[in-house]
Amino acid sequence: RESELPGALTCLKRRVESGRCHRCGRFDMFLPVEENHASSTKAIKAFILLPGALISHLAYTQIAARLSDLGICVVVVSMEPLRLATSYLGSSPIRFAKIRR
């Protein structure tokens, strides 16, 4: 099992405090800088990141933060407890449809 980089937790804490990251139980959502999306008809780019086998989803915090700085909404899915992407552990298409809402 690989853990996150030392700066990942600090980065995550700063993003949560600034409102640019929401921790939603089984996934973390990194939001781009808000540009009055409510009044815009422009689509928002999004990316769902599935961690590699045995890698903590927190290891992708800094990558997700950088992508969100570029205007992309990034969802990093937690594959705990076994850190494997299988439908038995919650990585089914139905689950991703719920995240999209």
PDB file of N, CA and C in Angstrom:
ATOM      1  N   ARG A   1       0.827  -1.190   0.000  1.00  0.00           N
ATOM      2  CA  ARG A   1       0.000   0.000   0.000  1.00  0.00           C
ATOM      3  C   ARG A   1       0.865   1.244   0.000  1.00  0.00           C
ATOM      4  N   GLU A   2       0.527   2.154  -0.873  1.00  0.00           N
ATOM      5  CA  GLU A   2       1.251   3.420  -0.948  1.00  0.00           C
ATOM      6  C   GLU A   2       0.422   4.512  -0.287  1.00  0.00           C
ATOM      7  N   SER A   3       1.065   5.365   0.482  1.00  0.00           N
ATOM      8  CA  SER A   3       0.368   6.461   1.132  1.00  0.00           C
ATOM      9  C   SER A   3       0.568   7.741   0.328  1.00  0.00           C
ATOM     10  N   GLU A   4      -0.093   8.782   0.781  1.00  0.00           N
ATOM     11  CA  GLU A   4      -0.024  10.062   0.092  1.00  0.00           C
ATOM     12  C   GLU A   4       1.337  10.731   0.315  1.00  0.00           C
ATOM     13  N   LEU A   5       1.651  11.690  -0.544  1.00  0.00           N
ATOM     14  CA  LEU A   5       2.874  12.474  -0.372  1.00  0.00           C
ATOM     15  C   LEU A   5       2.724  13.375   0.849  1.00  0.00           C
ATOM     16  N   PRO A   6       3.813  13.749   1.499  1.00  0.00           N
ATOM     17  CA  PRO A   6       3.723  14.560   2.718  1.00  0.00           C
ATOM     18  C   PRO A   6       2.911  15.852   2.560  1.00  0.00           C
ATOM     19  N   GLY A   7       3.011  16.503   1.417  1.00  0.00           N
ATOM     20  CA  GLY A   7       2.287  17.757   1.217  1.00  0.00           C
ATOM     21  C   GLY A   7       0.818  17.597   0.863  1.00  0.00           C
ATOM     22  N   ALA A   8       0.381  16.362   0.610  1.00  0.00           N
ATOM     23  CA  ALA A   8      -0.991  16.136   0.147  1.00  0.00           C
ATOM     24  C   ALA A   8      -2.022  16.528   1.202  1.00  0.00           C
ATOM     25  N   LEU A   9      -1.797  16.147   2.442  1.00  0.00           N
ATOM     26  CA  LEU A   9      -2.765  16.476   3.490  1.00  0.00           C
ATOM     27  C   LEU A   9      -2.825  17.972   3.752  1.00  0.00           C
ATOM     28  N   THR A  10      -1.689  18.643   3.661  1.00  0.00           N
ATOM     29  CA  THR A  10      -1.664  20.104   3.825  1.00  0.00           C
ATOM     30  C   THR A  10      -2.434  20.770   2.695  1.00  0.00           C
ATOM     31  N   CYS A  11      -2.219  20.305   1.481  1.00  0.00           N
ATOM     32  CA  CYS A  11      -2.924  20.836   0.315  1.00  0.00           C
ATOM     33  C   CYS A  11      -4.433  20.621   0.458  1.00  0.00           C
ATOM     34  N   LEU A  12      -4.821  19.415   0.870  1.00  0.00           N
ATOM     35  CA  LEU A  12      -6.239  19.102   1.045  1.00  0.00           C
ATOM     36  C   LEU A  12      -6.866  20.002   2.106  1.00  0.00           C
ATOM     37  N   LYS A  13      -6.179  20.180   3.218  1.00  0.00           N
ATOM     38  CA  LYS A  13      -6.698  21.028   4.300  1.00  0.00           C
ATOM     39  C   LYS A  13      -6.912  22.459   3.812  1.00  0.00           C
ATOM     40  N   ARG A  14      -5.954  23.004   3.058  1.00  0.00           N
ATOM     41  CA  ARG A  14      -6.087  24.371   2.535  1.00  0.00           C
ATOM     42  C   ARG A  14      -7.260  24.488   1.561  1.00  0.00           C
ATOM     43  N   ARG A  15      -7.442  23.469   0.713  1.00  0.00           N
ATOM     44  CA  ARG A  15      -8.546  23.513  -0.261  1.00  0.00           C
ATOM     45  C   ARG A  15      -9.905  23.434   0.433  1.00  0.00           C
ATOM     46  N   VAL A  16     -10.008  22.595   1.456  1.00  0.00           N
ATOM     47  CA  VAL A  16     -11.270  22.476   2.200  1.00  0.00           C
ATOM     48  C   VAL A  16     -11.576  23.797   2.902  1.00  0.00           C
ATOM     49  N   GLU A  17     -10.571  24.392   3.542  1.00  0.00           N
ATOM     50  CA  GLU A  17     -10.769  25.657   4.252  1.00  0.00           C
ATOM     51  C   GLU A  17     -11.179  26.786   3.315  1.00  0.00           C
ATOM     52  N   SER A  18     -10.682  26.769   2.088  1.00  0.00           N
ATOM     53  CA  SER A  18     -11.016  27.822   1.125  1.00  0.00           C
ATOM     54  C   SER A  18     -12.336  27.561   0.400  1.00  0.00           C
ATOM     55  N   GLY A  19     -12.931  26.369   0.622  1.00  0.00           N
ATOM     56  CA  GLY A  19     -14.185  26.026  -0.050  1.00  0.00           C
ATOM     57  C   GLY A  19     -13.998  25.473  -1.442  1.00  0.00           C
ATOM     58  N   ARG A  20     -12.760  25.201  -1.836  1.00  0.00           N
ATOM     59  CA  ARG A  20     -12.482  24.679  -3.172  1.00  0.00           C
ATOM     60  C   ARG A  20     -12.432  23.166  -3.232  1.00  0.00           C
ATOM     61  N   CYS A  21     -12.624  22.499  -2.075  1.00  0.00           N
ATOM     62  CA  CYS A  21     -12.696  21.043  -2.036  1.00  0.00           C
ATOM     63  C   CYS A  21     -13.789  20.640  -1.064  1.00  0.00           C
ATOM     64  N   HIS A  22     -14.622  19.714  -1.499  1.00  0.00           N
ATOM     65  CA  HIS A  22     -15.670  19.175  -0.635  1.00  0.00           C
ATOM     66  C   HIS A  22     -15.410  17.685  -0.440  1.00  0.00           C
ATOM     67  N   ARG A  23     -15.357  17.267   0.815  1.00  0.00           N
ATOM     68  CA  ARG A  23     -15.158  15.853   1.136  1.00  0.00           C
ATOM     69  C   ARG A  23     -16.550  15.244   1.294  1.00  0.00           C
ATOM     70  N   CYS A  24     -16.878  14.285   0.476  1.00  0.00           N
ATOM     71  CA  CYS A  24     -18.235  13.731   0.423  1.00  0.00           C
ATOM     72  C   CYS A  24     -18.250  12.240   0.755  1.00  0.00           C
ATOM     73  N   GLY A  25     -17.610  11.843   1.812  1.00  0.00           N
ATOM     74  CA  GLY A  25     -17.619  10.436   2.214  1.00  0.00           C
ATOM     75  C   GLY A  25     -16.724   9.575   1.349  1.00  0.00           C
ATOM     76  N   ARG A  26     -17.243   9.092   0.240  1.00  0.00           N
ATOM     77  CA  ARG A  26     -16.500   8.163  -0.618  1.00  0.00           C
ATOM     78  C   ARG A  26     -15.749   8.863  -1.750  1.00  0.00           C
ATOM     79  N   PHE A  27     -15.766  10.192  -1.787  1.00  0.00           N
ATOM     80  CA  PHE A  27     -14.998  10.906  -2.801  1.00  0.00           C
ATOM     81  C   PHE A  27     -14.722  12.331  -2.339  1.00  0.00           C
ATOM     82  N   ASP A  28     -13.690  12.923  -2.919  1.00  0.00           N
ATOM     83  CA  ASP A  28     -13.356  14.330  -2.696  1.00  0.00           C
ATOM     84  C   ASP A  28     -13.572  15.059  -4.015  1.00  0.00           C
ATOM     85  N   MET A  29     -14.232  16.228  -3.955  1.00  0.00           N
ATOM     86  CA  MET A  29     -14.509  17.003  -5.156  1.00  0.00           C
ATOM     87  C   MET A  29     -13.737  18.319  -5.104  1.00  0.00           C
ATOM     88  N   PHE A  30     -12.848  18.512  -6.064  1.00  0.00           N
ATOM     89  CA  PHE A  30     -12.037  19.724  -6.166  1.00  0.00           C
ATOM     90  C   PHE A  30     -12.691  20.645  -7.192  1.00  0.00           C
ATOM     91  N   LEU A  31     -13.053  21.835  -6.752  1.00  0.00           N
ATOM     92  CA  LEU A  31     -13.795  22.763  -7.600  1.00  0.00           C
ATOM     93  C   LEU A  31     -12.876  23.812  -8.219  1.00  0.00           C
ATOM     94  N   PRO A  32     -13.176  24.187  -9.466  1.00  0.00           N
ATOM     95  CA  PRO A  32     -12.396  25.263 -10.082  1.00  0.00           C
ATOM     96  C   PRO A  32     -12.753  26.600  -9.436  1.00  0.00           C
ATOM     97  N   VAL A  33     -11.967  27.628  -9.734  1.00  0.00           N
ATOM     98  CA  VAL A  33     -12.259  28.960  -9.227  1.00  0.00           C
ATOM     99  C   VAL A  33     -13.647  29.354  -9.722  1.00  0.00           C
ATOM    100  N   GLU A  34     -14.471  29.833  -8.811  1.00  0.00           N
ATOM    101  CA  GLU A  34     -15.850  30.170  -9.166  1.00  0.00           C
ATOM    102  C   GLU A  34     -15.879  31.410 -10.041  1.00  0.00           C
ATOM    103  N   GLU A  35     -16.571  31.296 -11.160  1.00  0.00           N
ATOM    104  CA  GLU A  35     -16.703  32.409 -12.103  1.00  0.00           C
ATOM    105  C   GLU A  35     -18.178  32.668 -12.387  1.00  0.00           C
ATOM    106  N   ASN A  36     -18.961  32.725 -11.319  1.00  0.00           N
ATOM    107  CA  ASN A  36     -20.400  32.982 -11.440  1.00  0.00           C
ATOM    108  C   ASN A  36     -21.070  31.947 -12.340  1.00  0.00           C
ATOM    109  N   HIS A  37     -20.875  30.655 -12.000  1.00  0.00           N
ATOM    110  CA  HIS A  37     -21.439  29.556 -12.792  1.00  0.00           C
ATOM    111  C   HIS A  37     -22.962  29.572 -12.810  1.00  0.00           C
ATOM    112  N   ALA A  38     -23.585  30.138 -11.793  1.00  0.00           N
ATOM    113  CA  ALA A  38     -25.048  30.124 -11.702  1.00  0.00           C
ATOM    114  C   ALA A  38     -25.688  30.880 -12.857  1.00  0.00           C
ATOM    115  N   SER A  39     -25.061  31.973 -13.302  1.00  0.00           N
ATOM    116  CA  SER A  39     -25.660  32.759 -14.377  1.00  0.00           C
ATOM    117  C   SER A  39     -25.090  32.395 -15.748  1.00  0.00           C
ATOM    118  N   SER A  40     -24.200  31.444 -15.788  1.00  0.00           N
ATOM    119  CA  SER A  40     -23.553  31.056 -17.036  1.00  0.00           C
ATOM    120  C   SER A  40     -24.212  29.812 -17.626  1.00  0.00           C
ATOM    121  N   THR A  41     -24.277  29.783 -18.962  1.00  0.00           N
ATOM    122  CA  THR A  41     -24.787  28.592 -19.645  1.00  0.00           C
ATOM    123  C   THR A  41     -23.632  27.730 -20.141  1.00  0.00           C
ATOM    124  N   LYS A  42     -22.423  28.154 -19.862  1.00  0.00           N
ATOM    125  CA  LYS A  42     -21.231  27.430 -20.279  1.00  0.00           C
ATOM    126  C   LYS A  42     -21.075  26.136 -19.472  1.00  0.00           C
ATOM    127  N   ALA A  43     -20.763  25.051 -20.148  1.00  0.00           N
ATOM    128  CA  ALA A  43     -20.551  23.761 -19.479  1.00  0.00           C
ATOM    129  C   ALA A  43     -19.248  23.798 -18.680  1.00  0.00           C
ATOM    130  N   ILE A  44     -19.217  23.082 -17.574  1.00  0.00           N
ATOM    131  CA  ILE A  44     -18.025  22.976 -16.744  1.00  0.00           C
ATOM    132  C   ILE A  44     -17.333  21.660 -17.074  1.00  0.00           C
ATOM    133  N   LYS A  45     -16.042  21.702 -17.305  1.00  0.00           N
ATOM    134  CA  LYS A  45     -15.273  20.491 -17.565  1.00  0.00           C
ATOM    135  C   LYS A  45     -15.109  19.728 -16.257  1.00  0.00           C
ATOM    136  N   ALA A  46     -15.204  18.399 -16.332  1.00  0.00           N
ATOM    137  CA  ALA A  46     -15.054  17.575 -15.133  1.00  0.00           C
ATOM    138  C   ALA A  46     -14.236  16.332 -15.447  1.00  0.00           C
ATOM    139  N   PHE A  47     -13.632  15.794 -14.390  1.00  0.00           N
ATOM    140  CA  PHE A  47     -12.743  14.643 -14.529  1.00  0.00           C
ATOM    141  C   PHE A  47     -12.931  13.762 -13.303  1.00  0.00           C
ATOM    142  N   ILE A  48     -13.190  12.469 -13.502  1.00  0.00           N
ATOM    143  CA  ILE A  48     -13.287  11.522 -12.390  1.00  0.00           C
ATOM    144  C   ILE A  48     -11.988  10.721 -12.348  1.00  0.00           C
ATOM    145  N   LEU A  49     -11.310  10.778 -11.223  1.00  0.00           N
ATOM    146  CA  LEU A  49     -10.014  10.135 -11.071  1.00  0.00           C
ATOM    147  C   LEU A  49     -10.163   8.903 -10.188  1.00  0.00           C
ATOM    148  N   LEU A  50      -9.828   7.748 -10.737  1.00  0.00           N
ATOM    149  CA  LEU A  50      -9.834   6.493  -9.991  1.00  0.00           C
ATOM    150  C   LEU A  50      -8.406   6.150  -9.598  1.00  0.00           C
ATOM    151  N   PRO A  51      -8.113   6.058  -8.314  1.00  0.00           N
ATOM    152  CA  PRO A  51      -6.749   5.754  -7.879  1.00  0.00           C
ATOM    153  C   PRO A  51      -6.287   4.378  -8.366  1.00  0.00           C
ATOM    154  N   GLY A  52      -4.981   4.243  -8.503  1.00  0.00           N
ATOM    155  CA  GLY A  52      -4.402   2.965  -8.864  1.00  0.00           C
ATOM    156  C   GLY A  52      -4.545   1.960  -7.734  1.00  0.00           C
ATOM    157  N   ALA A  53      -4.341   0.701  -8.044  1.00  0.00           N
ATOM    158  CA  ALA A  53      -4.471  -0.365  -7.044  1.00  0.00           C
ATOM    159  C   ALA A  53      -3.552  -0.115  -5.860  1.00  0.00           C
ATOM    160  N   LEU A  54      -4.096  -0.236  -4.677  1.00  0.00           N
ATOM    161  CA  LEU A  54      -3.393  -0.105  -3.403  1.00  0.00           C
ATOM    162  C   LEU A  54      -2.858   1.301  -3.134  1.00  0.00           C
ATOM    163  N   ILE A  55      -3.316   2.298  -3.869  1.00  0.00           N
ATOM    164  CA  ILE A  55      -2.881   3.689  -3.672  1.00  0.00           C
ATOM    165  C   ILE A  55      -4.008   4.454  -2.978  1.00  0.00           C
ATOM    166  N   SER A  56      -3.662   5.190  -1.944  1.00  0.00           N
ATOM    167  CA  SER A  56      -4.644   6.028  -1.243  1.00  0.00           C
ATOM    168  C   SER A  56      -5.142   7.119  -2.188  1.00  0.00           C
ATOM    169  N   HIS A  57      -6.446   7.407  -2.146  1.00  0.00           N
ATOM    170  CA  HIS A  57      -6.976   8.471  -2.999  1.00  0.00           C
ATOM    171  C   HIS A  57      -6.393   9.827  -2.606  1.00  0.00           C
ATOM    172  N   LEU A  58      -5.903   9.957  -1.383  1.00  0.00           N
ATOM    173  CA  LEU A  58      -5.287  11.208  -0.955  1.00  0.00           C
ATOM    174  C   LEU A  58      -3.970  11.485  -1.677  1.00  0.00           C
ATOM    175  N   ALA A  59      -3.374  10.456  -2.258  1.00  0.00           N
ATOM    176  CA  ALA A  59      -2.129  10.634  -3.009  1.00  0.00           C
ATOM    177  C   ALA A  59      -2.347  11.490  -4.252  1.00  0.00           C
ATOM    178  N   TYR A  60      -3.579  11.639  -4.687  1.00  0.00           N
ATOM    179  CA  TYR A  60      -3.901  12.399  -5.892  1.00  0.00           C
ATOM    180  C   TYR A  60      -4.361  13.819  -5.584  1.00  0.00           C
ATOM    181  N   THR A  61      -4.263  14.240  -4.327  1.00  0.00           N
ATOM    182  CA  THR A  61      -4.740  15.557  -3.908  1.00  0.00           C
ATOM    183  C   THR A  61      -4.070  16.686  -4.679  1.00  0.00           C
ATOM    184  N   GLN A  62      -2.759  16.666  -4.771  1.00  0.00           N
ATOM    185  CA  GLN A  62      -2.056  17.773  -5.421  1.00  0.00           C
ATOM    186  C   GLN A  62      -2.320  17.816  -6.927  1.00  0.00           C
ATOM    187  N   ILE A  63      -2.458  16.673  -7.547  1.00  0.00           N
ATOM    188  CA  ILE A  63      -2.789  16.628  -8.978  1.00  0.00           C
ATOM    189  C   ILE A  63      -4.194  17.193  -9.196  1.00  0.00           C
ATOM    190  N   ALA A  64      -5.145  16.769  -8.363  1.00  0.00           N
ATOM    191  CA  ALA A  64      -6.516  17.256  -8.481  1.00  0.00           C
ATOM    192  C   ALA A  64      -6.590  18.761  -8.233  1.00  0.00           C
ATOM    193  N   ALA A  65      -5.824  19.249  -7.269  1.00  0.00           N
ATOM    194  CA  ALA A  65      -5.803  20.687  -6.971  1.00  0.00           C
ATOM    195  C   ALA A  65      -5.281  21.482  -8.167  1.00  0.00           C
ATOM    196  N   ARG A  66      -4.234  20.991  -8.791  1.00  0.00           N
ATOM    197  CA  ARG A  66      -3.671  21.690  -9.954  1.00  0.00           C
ATOM    198  C   ARG A  66      -4.637  21.692 -11.132  1.00  0.00           C
ATOM    199  N   LEU A  67      -5.304  20.571 -11.358  1.00  0.00           N
ATOM    200  CA  LEU A  67      -6.298  20.520 -12.444  1.00  0.00           C
ATOM    201  C   LEU A  67      -7.452  21.475 -12.168  1.00  0.00           C
ATOM    202  N   SER A  68      -7.873  21.570 -10.907  1.00  0.00           N
ATOM    203  CA  SER A  68      -8.969  22.485 -10.575  1.00  0.00           C
ATOM    204  C   SER A  68      -8.531  23.939 -10.778  1.00  0.00           C
ATOM    205  N   ASP A  69      -7.249  24.223 -10.586  1.00  0.00           N
ATOM    206  CA  ASP A  69      -6.731  25.572 -10.858  1.00  0.00           C
ATOM    207  C   ASP A  69      -6.830  25.916 -12.338  1.00  0.00           C
ATOM    208  N   LEU A  70      -6.869  24.891 -13.186  1.00  0.00           N
ATOM    209  CA  LEU A  70      -6.983  25.089 -14.630  1.00  0.00           C
ATOM    210  C   LEU A  70      -8.443  25.145 -15.093  1.00  0.00           C
ATOM    211  N   GLY A  71      -9.387  25.113 -14.137  1.00  0.00           N
ATOM    212  CA  GLY A  71     -10.801  25.237 -14.481  1.00  0.00           C
ATOM    213  C   GLY A  71     -11.541  23.928 -14.636  1.00  0.00           C
ATOM    214  N   ILE A  72     -10.958  22.835 -14.167  1.00  0.00           N
ATOM    215  CA  ILE A  72     -11.582  21.519 -14.287  1.00  0.00           C
ATOM    216  C   ILE A  72     -12.066  21.060 -12.916  1.00  0.00           C
ATOM    217  N   CYS A  73     -13.306  20.634 -12.842  1.00  0.00           N
ATOM    218  CA  CYS A  73     -13.838  20.040 -11.613  1.00  0.00           C
ATOM    219  C   CYS A  73     -13.332  18.600 -11.546  1.00  0.00           C
ATOM    220  N   VAL A  74     -12.668  18.246 -10.443  1.00  0.00           N
ATOM    221  CA  VAL A  74     -12.060  16.917 -10.336  1.00  0.00           C
ATOM    222  C   VAL A  74     -12.665  16.166  -9.158  1.00  0.00           C
ATOM    223  N   VAL A  75     -13.113  14.943  -9.398  1.00  0.00           N
ATOM    224  CA  VAL A  75     -13.624  14.061  -8.359  1.00  0.00           C
ATOM    225  C   VAL A  75     -12.624  12.920  -8.195  1.00  0.00           C
ATOM    226  N   VAL A  76     -12.088  12.783  -6.978  1.00  0.00           N
ATOM    227  CA  VAL A  76     -11.158  11.703  -6.681  1.00  0.00           C
ATOM    228  C   VAL A  76     -11.909  10.691  -5.826  1.00  0.00           C
ATOM    229  N   VAL A  77     -12.108   9.501  -6.353  1.00  0.00           N
ATOM    230  CA  VAL A  77     -12.918   8.476  -5.703  1.00  0.00           C
ATOM    231  C   VAL A  77     -12.061   7.655  -4.741  1.00  0.00           C
ATOM    232  N   SER A  78     -12.597   7.416  -3.549  1.00  0.00           N
ATOM    233  CA  SER A  78     -11.920   6.564  -2.575  1.00  0.00           C
ATOM    234  C   SER A  78     -12.289   5.113  -2.842  1.00  0.00           C
ATOM    235  N   MET A  79     -11.297   4.255  -2.905  1.00  0.00           N
ATOM    236  CA  MET A  79     -11.538   2.832  -3.137  1.00  0.00           C
ATOM    237  C   MET A  79     -11.308   2.014  -1.867  1.00  0.00           C
ATOM    238  N   GLU A  80     -11.434   2.668  -0.724  1.00  0.00           N
ATOM    239  CA  GLU A  80     -11.246   1.978   0.552  1.00  0.00           C
ATOM    240  C   GLU A  80     -12.350   0.947   0.766  1.00  0.00           C
ATOM    241  N   PRO A  81     -12.121  -0.129   1.453  1.00  0.00           N
ATOM    242  CA  PRO A  81     -10.973  -0.401   2.297  1.00  0.00           C
ATOM    243  C   PRO A  81      -9.830  -1.126   1.576  1.00  0.00           C
ATOM    244  N   LEU A  82     -10.089  -1.742   0.437  1.00  0.00           N
ATOM    245  CA  LEU A  82      -9.045  -2.544  -0.206  1.00  0.00           C
ATOM    246  C   LEU A  82      -8.261  -1.793  -1.271  1.00  0.00           C
ATOM    247  N   ARG A  83      -8.712  -0.582  -1.617  1.00  0.00           N
ATOM    248  CA  ARG A  83      -8.056   0.238  -2.633  1.00  0.00           C
ATOM    249  C   ARG A  83      -7.977  -0.458  -3.982  1.00  0.00           C
ATOM    250  N   LEU A  84      -9.063  -1.101  -4.347  1.00  0.00           N
ATOM    251  CA  LEU A  84      -9.178  -1.760  -5.643  1.00  0.00           C
ATOM    252  C   LEU A  84     -10.470  -1.310  -6.310  1.00  0.00           C
ATOM    253  N   ALA A  85     -10.429  -1.053  -7.613  1.00  0.00           N
ATOM    254  CA  ALA A  85     -11.603  -0.594  -8.347  1.00  0.00           C
ATOM    255  C   ALA A  85     -12.382  -1.792  -8.894  1.00  0.00           C
ATOM    256  N   THR A  86     -13.322  -2.282  -8.127  1.00  0.00           N
ATOM    257  CA  THR A  86     -14.199  -3.351  -8.586  1.00  0.00           C
ATOM    258  C   THR A  86     -15.638  -2.961  -8.285  1.00  0.00           C
ATOM    259  N   SER A  87     -16.564  -3.522  -9.007  1.00  0.00           N
ATOM    260  CA  SER A  87     -17.973  -3.196  -8.761  1.00  0.00           C
ATOM    261  C   SER A  87     -18.425  -3.661  -7.383  1.00  0.00           C
ATOM    262  N   TYR A  88     -17.751  -4.658  -6.841  1.00  0.00           N
ATOM    263  CA  TYR A  88     -18.102  -5.146  -5.504  1.00  0.00           C
ATOM    264  C   TYR A  88     -17.743  -4.144  -4.410  1.00  0.00           C
ATOM    265  N   LEU A  89     -16.797  -3.262  -4.710  1.00  0.00           N
ATOM    266  CA  LEU A  89     -16.345  -2.282  -3.719  1.00  0.00           C
ATOM    267  C   LEU A  89     -16.862  -0.881  -4.005  1.00  0.00           C
ATOM    268  N   GLY A  90     -17.807  -0.748  -4.917  1.00  0.00           N
ATOM    269  CA  GLY A  90     -18.450   0.537  -5.123  1.00  0.00           C
ATOM    270  C   GLY A  90     -18.037   1.324  -6.341  1.00  0.00           C
ATOM    271  N   SER A  91     -17.292   0.755  -7.266  1.00  0.00           N
ATOM    272  CA  SER A  91     -16.894   1.514  -8.452  1.00  0.00           C
ATOM    273  C   SER A  91     -17.753   1.155  -9.660  1.00  0.00           C
ATOM    274  N   SER A  92     -19.026   0.973  -9.436  1.00  0.00           N
ATOM    275  CA  SER A  92     -19.943   0.614 -10.513  1.00  0.00           C
ATOM    276  C   SER A  92     -20.398   1.865 -11.277  1.00  0.00           C
ATOM    277  N   PRO A  93     -20.894   1.702 -12.500  1.00  0.00           N
ATOM    278  CA  PRO A  93     -21.413   2.847 -13.262  1.00  0.00           C
ATOM    279  C   PRO A  93     -22.545   3.572 -12.531  1.00  0.00           C
ATOM    280  N   ILE A  94     -23.331   2.860 -11.755  1.00  0.00           N
ATOM    281  CA  ILE A  94     -24.418   3.485 -10.992  1.00  0.00           C
ATOM    282  C   ILE A  94     -23.858   4.467  -9.981  1.00  0.00           C
ATOM    283  N   ARG A  95     -22.787   4.082  -9.320  1.00  0.00           N
ATOM    284  CA  ARG A  95     -22.159   4.964  -8.340  1.00  0.00           C
ATOM    285  C   ARG A  95     -21.642   6.239  -8.996  1.00  0.00           C
ATOM    286  N   PHE A  96     -21.035   6.114 -10.184  1.00  0.00           N
ATOM    287  CA  PHE A  96     -20.520   7.287 -10.855  1.00  0.00           C
ATOM    288  C   PHE A  96     -21.647   8.194 -11.353  1.00  0.00           C
ATOM    289  N   ALA A  97     -22.771   7.614 -11.715  1.00  0.00           N
ATOM    290  CA  ALA A  97     -23.928   8.417 -12.096  1.00  0.00           C
ATOM    291  C   ALA A  97     -24.405   9.254 -10.912  1.00  0.00           C
ATOM    292  N   LYS A  98     -24.362   8.692  -9.705  1.00  0.00           N
ATOM    293  CA  LYS A  98     -24.758   9.441  -8.502  1.00  0.00           C
ATOM    294  C   LYS A  98     -23.786  10.586  -8.235  1.00  0.00           C
ATOM    295  N   ILE A  99     -22.494  10.382  -8.460  1.00  0.00           N
ATOM    296  CA  ILE A  99     -21.505  11.434  -8.266  1.00  0.00           C
ATOM    297  C   ILE A  99     -21.757  12.584  -9.239  1.00  0.00           C
ATOM    298  N   ARG A 100     -22.127  12.264 -10.467  1.00  0.00           N
ATOM    299  CA  ARG A 100     -22.353  13.295 -11.484  1.00  0.00           C
ATOM    300  C   ARG A 100     -23.491  14.229 -11.117  1.00  0.00           C
ATOM    301  N   ARG A 101     -24.442  13.768 -10.323  1.00  0.00           N
ATOM    302  CA  ARG A 101     -25.589  14.606  -9.962  1.00  0.00           C
ATOM    303  C   ARG A 101     -25.164  15.604  -8.997  1.00  0.00           C
TER     304      ARG A 101
END
